[in-house]
Amino acid sequence: MWETPTISHALRMASLPRCMRRNDYHLVGLNEEFLVYFLTRAGFSTVRRVPGFGIFNDTSELLFKGIPISLNVLAVKPTTSAP
């Protein structure tokens, strides 16, 4: 899918820590399968991918060749009733 090493390198650089700002870094990278697994194990339901949230001016909605580089999901954790 990613034709050249240059494209692969660009994608890695877009997702790796740049530390240009104090809170501009990632500690882990997950694919959709792993993230859904972890969220459902933690009690979340209705996990679905969304194009973005429109909250920050960042790369979370960036597309590369029409494909999102970020994994934006919305998950709901049901509340439990107190006994």
PDB file of N, CA and C in Angstrom:
ATOM      1  N   MET A   1       0.824  -1.186   0.000  1.00  0.00           N
ATOM      2  CA  MET A   1       0.000   0.000   0.000  1.00  0.00           C
ATOM      3  C   MET A   1       0.872   1.253   0.000  1.00  0.00           C
ATOM      4  N   TRP A   2       1.870   1.316   0.866  1.00  0.00           N
ATOM      5  CA  TRP A   2       2.760   2.483   0.913  1.00  0.00           C
ATOM      6  C   TRP A   2       3.933   2.172   0.004  1.00  0.00           C
ATOM      7  N   GLU A   3       3.966   2.831  -1.152  1.00  0.00           N
ATOM      8  CA  GLU A   3       4.860   2.451  -2.234  1.00  0.00           C
ATOM      9  C   GLU A   3       6.345   2.607  -1.953  1.00  0.00           C
ATOM     10  N   THR A   4       6.752   3.648  -1.295  1.00  0.00           N
ATOM     11  CA  THR A   4       8.177   3.927  -1.188  1.00  0.00           C
ATOM     12  C   THR A   4       8.607   4.080   0.263  1.00  0.00           C
ATOM     13  N   PRO A   5       9.894   3.870   0.537  1.00  0.00           N
ATOM     14  CA  PRO A   5      10.411   4.104   1.887  1.00  0.00           C
ATOM     15  C   PRO A   5      10.190   5.549   2.336  1.00  0.00           C
ATOM     16  N   THR A   6      10.201   6.497   1.404  1.00  0.00           N
ATOM     17  CA  THR A   6       9.996   7.896   1.754  1.00  0.00           C
ATOM     18  C   THR A   6       8.606   8.103   2.341  1.00  0.00           C
ATOM     19  N   ILE A   7       7.599   7.468   1.759  1.00  0.00           N
ATOM     20  CA  ILE A   7       6.232   7.579   2.274  1.00  0.00           C
ATOM     21  C   ILE A   7       6.143   6.930   3.651  1.00  0.00           C
ATOM     22  N   SER A   8       6.720   5.751   3.810  1.00  0.00           N
ATOM     23  CA  SER A   8       6.712   5.086   5.106  1.00  0.00           C
ATOM     24  C   SER A   8       7.404   5.945   6.153  1.00  0.00           C
ATOM     25  N   HIS A   9       8.522   6.531   5.779  1.00  0.00           N
ATOM     26  CA  HIS A   9       9.259   7.393   6.701  1.00  0.00           C
ATOM     27  C   HIS A   9       8.412   8.604   7.092  1.00  0.00           C
ATOM     28  N   ALA A  10       7.740   9.198   6.141  1.00  0.00           N
ATOM     29  CA  ALA A  10       6.903  10.364   6.425  1.00  0.00           C
ATOM     30  C   ALA A  10       5.783  10.004   7.396  1.00  0.00           C
ATOM     31  N   LEU A  11       5.185   8.824   7.225  1.00  0.00           N
ATOM     32  CA  LEU A  11       4.132   8.393   8.133  1.00  0.00           C
ATOM     33  C   LEU A  11       4.670   8.142   9.533  1.00  0.00           C
ATOM     34  N   ARG A  12       5.833   7.523   9.623  1.00  0.00           N
ATOM     35  CA  ARG A  12       6.435   7.297  10.939  1.00  0.00           C
ATOM     36  C   ARG A  12       6.749   8.612  11.619  1.00  0.00           C
ATOM     37  N   MET A  13       7.294   9.558  10.872  1.00  0.00           N
ATOM     38  CA  MET A  13       7.646  10.848  11.451  1.00  0.00           C
ATOM     39  C   MET A  13       6.401  11.605  11.913  1.00  0.00           C
ATOM     40  N   ALA A  14       5.285  11.428  11.201  1.00  0.00           N
ATOM     41  CA  ALA A  14       4.055  12.103  11.583  1.00  0.00           C
ATOM     42  C   ALA A  14       3.478  11.521  12.871  1.00  0.00           C
ATOM     43  N   SER A  15       3.795  10.259  13.161  1.00  0.00           N
ATOM     44  CA  SER A  15       3.206   9.621  14.329  1.00  0.00           C
ATOM     45  C   SER A  15       4.156   9.509  15.516  1.00  0.00           C
ATOM     46  N   LEU A  16       5.440   9.740  15.304  1.00  0.00           N
ATOM     47  CA  LEU A  16       6.400   9.613  16.406  1.00  0.00           C
ATOM     48  C   LEU A  16       6.490  10.902  17.208  1.00  0.00           C
ATOM     49  N   PRO A  17       6.981  10.791  18.435  1.00  0.00           N
ATOM     50  CA  PRO A  17       7.118  11.989  19.267  1.00  0.00           C
ATOM     51  C   PRO A  17       8.012  13.028  18.618  1.00  0.00           C
ATOM     52  N   ARG A  18       7.495  14.247  18.556  1.00  0.00           N
ATOM     53  CA  ARG A  18       8.303  15.350  18.044  1.00  0.00           C
ATOM     54  C   ARG A  18       8.729  16.256  19.186  1.00  0.00           C
ATOM     55  N   CYS A  19       7.929  16.266  20.223  1.00  0.00           N
ATOM     56  CA  CYS A  19       8.201  17.077  21.408  1.00  0.00           C
ATOM     57  C   CYS A  19       8.440  18.537  21.060  1.00  0.00           C
ATOM     58  N   MET A  20       7.709  19.043  20.085  1.00  0.00           N
ATOM     59  CA  MET A  20       7.829  20.452  19.733  1.00  0.00           C
ATOM     60  C   MET A  20       7.170  21.323  20.797  1.00  0.00           C
ATOM     61  N   ARG A  21       6.157  20.763  21.440  1.00  0.00           N
ATOM     62  CA  ARG A  21       5.494  21.435  22.549  1.00  0.00           C
ATOM     63  C   ARG A  21       5.496  20.477  23.722  1.00  0.00           C
ATOM     64  N   ARG A  22       5.269  21.000  24.872  1.00  0.00           N
ATOM     65  CA  ARG A  22       5.346  20.219  26.098  1.00  0.00           C
ATOM     66  C   ARG A  22       4.469  18.956  26.066  1.00  0.00           C
ATOM     67  N   ASN A  23       3.263  19.054  25.559  1.00  0.00           N
ATOM     68  CA  ASN A  23       2.353  17.905  25.550  1.00  0.00           C
ATOM     69  C   ASN A  23       2.173  17.306  24.159  1.00  0.00           C
ATOM     70  N   ASP A  24       3.109  17.512  23.270  1.00  0.00           N
ATOM     71  CA  ASP A  24       3.015  17.032  21.892  1.00  0.00           C
ATOM     72  C   ASP A  24       3.841  15.755  21.727  1.00  0.00           C
ATOM     73  N   TYR A  25       3.332  14.672  22.286  1.00  0.00           N
ATOM     74  CA  TYR A  25       4.029  13.402  22.138  1.00  0.00           C
ATOM     75  C   TYR A  25       3.051  12.248  22.338  1.00  0.00           C
ATOM     76  N   HIS A  26       3.433  11.070  21.872  1.00  0.00           N
ATOM     77  CA  HIS A  26       2.627   9.863  22.019  1.00  0.00           C
ATOM     78  C   HIS A  26       3.460   8.829  22.759  1.00  0.00           C
ATOM     79  N   LEU A  27       2.822   8.067  23.612  1.00  0.00           N
ATOM     80  CA  LEU A  27       3.528   7.031  24.344  1.00  0.00           C
ATOM     81  C   LEU A  27       3.327   5.649  23.731  1.00  0.00           C
ATOM     82  N   VAL A  28       2.276   5.509  22.910  1.00  0.00           N
ATOM     83  CA  VAL A  28       1.984   4.212  22.314  1.00  0.00           C
ATOM     84  C   VAL A  28       1.235   4.426  20.998  1.00  0.00           C
ATOM     85  N   GLY A  29       1.362   3.470  20.106  1.00  0.00           N
ATOM     86  CA  GLY A  29       0.596   3.488  18.863  1.00  0.00           C
ATOM     87  C   GLY A  29      -0.230   2.213  18.788  1.00  0.00           C
ATOM     88  N   LEU A  30      -1.508   2.341  18.503  1.00  0.00           N
ATOM     89  CA  LEU A  30      -2.400   1.188  18.443  1.00  0.00           C
ATOM     90  C   LEU A  30      -3.125   1.149  17.109  1.00  0.00           C
ATOM     91  N   ASN A  31      -3.432  -0.065  16.662  1.00  0.00           N
ATOM     92  CA  ASN A  31      -4.316  -0.173  15.513  1.00  0.00           C
ATOM     93  C   ASN A  31      -5.750  -0.350  16.030  1.00  0.00           C
ATOM     94  N   GLU A  32      -6.709  -0.302  15.138  1.00  0.00           N
ATOM     95  CA  GLU A  32      -8.111  -0.349  15.553  1.00  0.00           C
ATOM     96  C   GLU A  32      -8.456  -1.647  16.278  1.00  0.00           C
ATOM     97  N   GLU A  33      -7.933  -2.760  15.799  1.00  0.00           N
ATOM     98  CA  GLU A  33      -8.228  -4.059  16.424  1.00  0.00           C
ATOM     99  C   GLU A  33      -7.781  -4.085  17.887  1.00  0.00           C
ATOM    100  N   PHE A  34      -6.557  -3.651  18.162  1.00  0.00           N
ATOM    101  CA  PHE A  34      -6.056  -3.645  19.533  1.00  0.00           C
ATOM    102  C   PHE A  34      -6.823  -2.669  20.412  1.00  0.00           C
ATOM    103  N   LEU A  35      -7.088  -1.476  19.900  1.00  0.00           N
ATOM    104  CA  LEU A  35      -7.777  -0.474  20.696  1.00  0.00           C
ATOM    105  C   LEU A  35      -9.185  -0.933  21.071  1.00  0.00           C
ATOM    106  N   VAL A  36      -9.918  -1.504  20.111  1.00  0.00           N
ATOM    107  CA  VAL A  36     -11.264  -2.011  20.400  1.00  0.00           C
ATOM    108  C   VAL A  36     -11.179  -3.120  21.449  1.00  0.00           C
ATOM    109  N   TYR A  37     -10.208  -3.994  21.317  1.00  0.00           N
ATOM    110  CA  TYR A  37     -10.027  -5.077  22.295  1.00  0.00           C
ATOM    111  C   TYR A  37      -9.806  -4.516  23.694  1.00  0.00           C
ATOM    112  N   PHE A  38      -8.857  -3.585  23.826  1.00  0.00           N
ATOM    113  CA  PHE A  38      -8.551  -3.015  25.142  1.00  0.00           C
ATOM    114  C   PHE A  38      -9.746  -2.264  25.728  1.00  0.00           C
ATOM    115  N   LEU A  39     -10.448  -1.503  24.906  1.00  0.00           N
ATOM    116  CA  LEU A  39     -11.599  -0.745  25.395  1.00  0.00           C
ATOM    117  C   LEU A  39     -12.736  -1.661  25.841  1.00  0.00           C
ATOM    118  N   THR A  40     -13.012  -2.717  25.086  1.00  0.00           N
ATOM    119  CA  THR A  40     -14.089  -3.625  25.484  1.00  0.00           C
ATOM    120  C   THR A  40     -13.697  -4.404  26.740  1.00  0.00           C
ATOM    121  N   ARG A  41     -12.438  -4.766  26.879  1.00  0.00           N
ATOM    122  CA  ARG A  41     -11.972  -5.437  28.101  1.00  0.00           C
ATOM    123  C   ARG A  41     -12.101  -4.521  29.315  1.00  0.00           C
ATOM    124  N   ALA A  42     -12.006  -3.224  29.093  1.00  0.00           N
ATOM    125  CA  ALA A  42     -12.125  -2.247  30.179  1.00  0.00           C
ATOM    126  C   ALA A  42     -13.578  -1.861  30.451  1.00  0.00           C
ATOM    127  N   GLY A  43     -14.522  -2.502  29.760  1.00  0.00           N
ATOM    128  CA  GLY A  43     -15.931  -2.257  30.027  1.00  0.00           C
ATOM    129  C   GLY A  43     -16.614  -1.259  29.112  1.00  0.00           C
ATOM    130  N   PHE A  44     -15.901  -0.774  28.103  1.00  0.00           N
ATOM    131  CA  PHE A  44     -16.521   0.158  27.165  1.00  0.00           C
ATOM    132  C   PHE A  44     -17.342  -0.614  26.139  1.00  0.00           C
ATOM    133  N   SER A  45     -18.378   0.015  25.634  1.00  0.00           N
ATOM    134  CA  SER A  45     -19.204  -0.596  24.596  1.00  0.00           C
ATOM    135  C   SER A  45     -19.418   0.422  23.490  1.00  0.00           C
ATOM    136  N   THR A  46     -20.101   0.007  22.454  1.00  0.00           N
ATOM    137  CA  THR A  46     -20.399   0.890  21.339  1.00  0.00           C
ATOM    138  C   THR A  46     -19.146   1.636  20.875  1.00  0.00           C
ATOM    139  N   VAL A  47     -18.073   0.904  20.699  1.00  0.00           N
ATOM    140  CA  VAL A  47     -16.829   1.504  20.217  1.00  0.00           C
ATOM    141  C   VAL A  47     -16.950   1.676  18.709  1.00  0.00           C
ATOM    142  N   ARG A  48     -16.778   2.920  18.241  1.00  0.00           N
ATOM    143  CA  ARG A  48     -16.853   3.152  16.797  1.00  0.00           C
ATOM    144  C   ARG A  48     -15.851   4.210  16.382  1.00  0.00           C
ATOM    145  N   ARG A  49     -15.372   4.028  15.187  1.00  0.00           N
ATOM    146  CA  ARG A  49     -14.402   4.965  14.629  1.00  0.00           C
ATOM    147  C   ARG A  49     -15.122   6.215  14.125  1.00  0.00           C
ATOM    148  N   VAL A  50     -14.533   7.365  14.374  1.00  0.00           N
ATOM    149  CA  VAL A  50     -15.083   8.632  13.906  1.00  0.00           C
ATOM    150  C   VAL A  50     -13.987   9.392  13.172  1.00  0.00           C
ATOM    151  N   PRO A  51     -14.346  10.266  12.225  1.00  0.00           N
ATOM    152  CA  PRO A  51     -13.324  10.993  11.470  1.00  0.00           C
ATOM    153  C   PRO A  51     -12.543  11.987  12.315  1.00  0.00           C
ATOM    154  N   GLY A  52     -13.134  12.453  13.391  1.00  0.00           N
ATOM    155  CA  GLY A  52     -12.462  13.416  14.250  1.00  0.00           C
ATOM    156  C   GLY A  52     -13.454  14.026  15.213  1.00  0.00           C
ATOM    157  N   PHE A  53     -12.956  14.913  16.057  1.00  0.00           N
ATOM    158  CA  PHE A  53     -13.803  15.543  17.058  1.00  0.00           C
ATOM    159  C   PHE A  53     -13.891  17.053  16.880  1.00  0.00           C
ATOM    160  N   GLY A  54     -12.992  17.636  16.092  1.00  0.00           N
ATOM    161  CA  GLY A  54     -13.013  19.066  15.846  1.00  0.00           C
ATOM    162  C   GLY A  54     -12.710  19.905  17.080  1.00  0.00           C
ATOM    163  N   ILE A  55     -11.971  19.337  18.016  1.00  0.00           N
ATOM    164  CA  ILE A  55     -11.680  20.037  19.272  1.00  0.00           C
ATOM    165  C   ILE A  55     -10.365  20.803  19.198  1.00  0.00           C
ATOM    166  N   PHE A  56      -9.339  20.162  18.634  1.00  0.00           N
ATOM    167  CA  PHE A  56      -8.007  20.747  18.612  1.00  0.00           C
ATOM    168  C   PHE A  56      -7.549  21.001  17.177  1.00  0.00           C
ATOM    169  N   ASN A  57      -6.658  21.935  17.010  1.00  0.00           N
ATOM    170  CA  ASN A  57      -6.031  22.183  15.719  1.00  0.00           C
ATOM    171  C   ASN A  57      -4.738  21.367  15.689  1.00  0.00           C
ATOM    172  N   ASP A  58      -4.881  20.063  15.383  1.00  0.00           N
ATOM    173  CA  ASP A  58      -3.734  19.168  15.387  1.00  0.00           C
ATOM    174  C   ASP A  58      -3.818  18.227  14.186  1.00  0.00           C
ATOM    175  N   THR A  59      -3.041  17.162  14.208  1.00  0.00           N
ATOM    176  CA  THR A  59      -3.022  16.234  13.068  1.00  0.00           C
ATOM    177  C   THR A  59      -3.987  15.062  13.243  1.00  0.00           C
ATOM    178  N   SER A  60      -4.868  15.109  14.225  1.00  0.00           N
ATOM    179  CA  SER A  60      -5.760  13.980  14.477  1.00  0.00           C
ATOM    180  C   SER A  60      -6.763  13.742  13.348  1.00  0.00           C
ATOM    181  N   GLU A  61      -6.944  14.711  12.461  1.00  0.00           N
ATOM    182  CA  GLU A  61      -7.846  14.535  11.326  1.00  0.00           C
ATOM    183  C   GLU A  61      -7.093  14.551   9.990  1.00  0.00           C
ATOM    184  N   LEU A  62      -5.768  14.469  10.061  1.00  0.00           N
ATOM    185  CA  LEU A  62      -4.942  14.508   8.859  1.00  0.00           C
ATOM    186  C   LEU A  62      -5.125  13.243   8.027  1.00  0.00           C
ATOM    187  N   LEU A  63      -5.250  13.420   6.724  1.00  0.00           N
ATOM    188  CA  LEU A  63      -5.341  12.296   5.795  1.00  0.00           C
ATOM    189  C   LEU A  63      -4.059  12.219   4.993  1.00  0.00           C
ATOM    190  N   PHE A  64      -3.619  11.002   4.722  1.00  0.00           N
ATOM    191  CA  PHE A  64      -2.485  10.774   3.847  1.00  0.00           C
ATOM    192  C   PHE A  64      -2.970   9.884   2.722  1.00  0.00           C
ATOM    193  N   LYS A  65      -2.988  10.408   1.503  1.00  0.00           N
ATOM    194  CA  LYS A  65      -3.526   9.692   0.339  1.00  0.00           C
ATOM    195  C   LYS A  65      -4.953   9.219   0.621  1.00  0.00           C
ATOM    196  N   GLY A  66      -5.721  10.078   1.301  1.00  0.00           N
ATOM    197  CA  GLY A  66      -7.115   9.777   1.579  1.00  0.00           C
ATOM    198  C   GLY A  66      -7.348   8.863   2.769  1.00  0.00           C
ATOM    199  N   ILE A  67      -6.288   8.480   3.469  1.00  0.00           N
ATOM    200  CA  ILE A  67      -6.402   7.565   4.604  1.00  0.00           C
ATOM    201  C   ILE A  67      -6.020   8.310   5.879  1.00  0.00           C
ATOM    202  N   PRO A  68      -6.867   8.228   6.935  1.00  0.00           N
ATOM    203  CA  PRO A  68      -6.532   8.918   8.190  1.00  0.00           C
ATOM    204  C   PRO A  68      -5.263   8.353   8.809  1.00  0.00           C
ATOM    205  N   ILE A  69      -4.412   9.231   9.346  1.00  0.00           N
ATOM    206  CA  ILE A  69      -3.198   8.747  10.017  1.00  0.00           C
ATOM    207  C   ILE A  69      -3.437   8.540  11.509  1.00  0.00           C
ATOM    208  N   SER A  70      -4.581   9.026  12.021  1.00  0.00           N
ATOM    209  CA  SER A  70      -4.898   8.866  13.437  1.00  0.00           C
ATOM    210  C   SER A  70      -6.100   7.955  13.607  1.00  0.00           C
ATOM    211  N   LEU A  71      -6.146   7.327  14.752  1.00  0.00           N
ATOM    212  CA  LEU A  71      -7.250   6.436  15.085  1.00  0.00           C
ATOM    213  C   LEU A  71      -8.152   7.151  16.085  1.00  0.00           C
ATOM    214  N   ASN A  72      -9.185   7.798  15.582  1.00  0.00           N
ATOM    215  CA  ASN A  72     -10.143   8.512  16.431  1.00  0.00           C
ATOM    216  C   ASN A  72     -11.337   7.604  16.675  1.00  0.00           C
ATOM    217  N   VAL A  73     -11.626   7.321  17.937  1.00  0.00           N
ATOM    218  CA  VAL A  73     -12.768   6.467  18.259  1.00  0.00           C
ATOM    219  C   VAL A  73     -13.616   7.113  19.341  1.00  0.00           C
ATOM    220  N   LEU A  74     -14.873   6.746  19.333  1.00  0.00           N
ATOM    221  CA  LEU A  74     -15.815   7.158  20.356  1.00  0.00           C
ATOM    222  C   LEU A  74     -16.262   5.880  21.047  1.00  0.00           C
ATOM    223  N   ALA A  75     -16.143   5.834  22.365  1.00  0.00           N
ATOM    224  CA  ALA A  75     -16.538   4.655  23.124  1.00  0.00           C
ATOM    225  C   ALA A  75     -17.367   5.086  24.320  1.00  0.00           C
ATOM    226  N   VAL A  76     -18.353   4.274  24.645  1.00  0.00           N
ATOM    227  CA  VAL A  76     -19.247   4.573  25.764  1.00  0.00           C
ATOM    228  C   VAL A  76     -19.027   3.518  26.836  1.00  0.00           C
ATOM    229  N   LYS A  77     -18.875   3.981  28.073  1.00  0.00           N
ATOM    230  CA  LYS A  77     -18.777   3.046  29.194  1.00  0.00           C
ATOM    231  C   LYS A  77     -20.057   3.163  29.999  1.00  0.00           C
ATOM    232  N   PRO A  78     -20.847   2.086  30.001  1.00  0.00           N
ATOM    233  CA  PRO A  78     -22.120   2.142  30.722  1.00  0.00           C
ATOM    234  C   PRO A  78     -21.896   2.410  32.212  1.00  0.00           C
ATOM    235  N   THR A  79     -22.785   3.192  32.785  1.00  0.00           N
ATOM    236  CA  THR A  79     -22.705   3.442  34.215  1.00  0.00           C
ATOM    237  C   THR A  79     -23.366   2.291  34.954  1.00  0.00           C
ATOM    238  N   THR A  80     -22.875   2.032  36.138  1.00  0.00           N
ATOM    239  CA  THR A  80     -23.476   0.972  36.944  1.00  0.00           C
ATOM    240  C   THR A  80     -24.337   1.630  38.024  1.00  0.00           C
ATOM    241  N   SER A  81     -25.441   1.030  38.305  1.00  0.00           N
ATOM    242  CA  SER A  81     -26.334   1.541  39.343  1.00  0.00           C
ATOM    243  C   SER A  81     -25.769   1.200  40.710  1.00  0.00           C
ATOM    244  N   ALA A  82     -25.866   2.152  41.618  1.00  0.00           N
ATOM    245  CA  ALA A  82     -25.407   1.895  42.982  1.00  0.00           C
ATOM    246  C   ALA A  82     -26.380   0.945  43.660  1.00  0.00           C
ATOM    247  N   PRO A  83     -25.876   0.000  44.471  1.00  0.00           N
ATOM    248  CA  PRO A  83     -26.776  -0.970  45.134  1.00  0.00           C
ATOM    249  C   PRO A  83     -27.658  -0.319  46.187  1.00  0.00           C
TER     250      PRO A  83
END
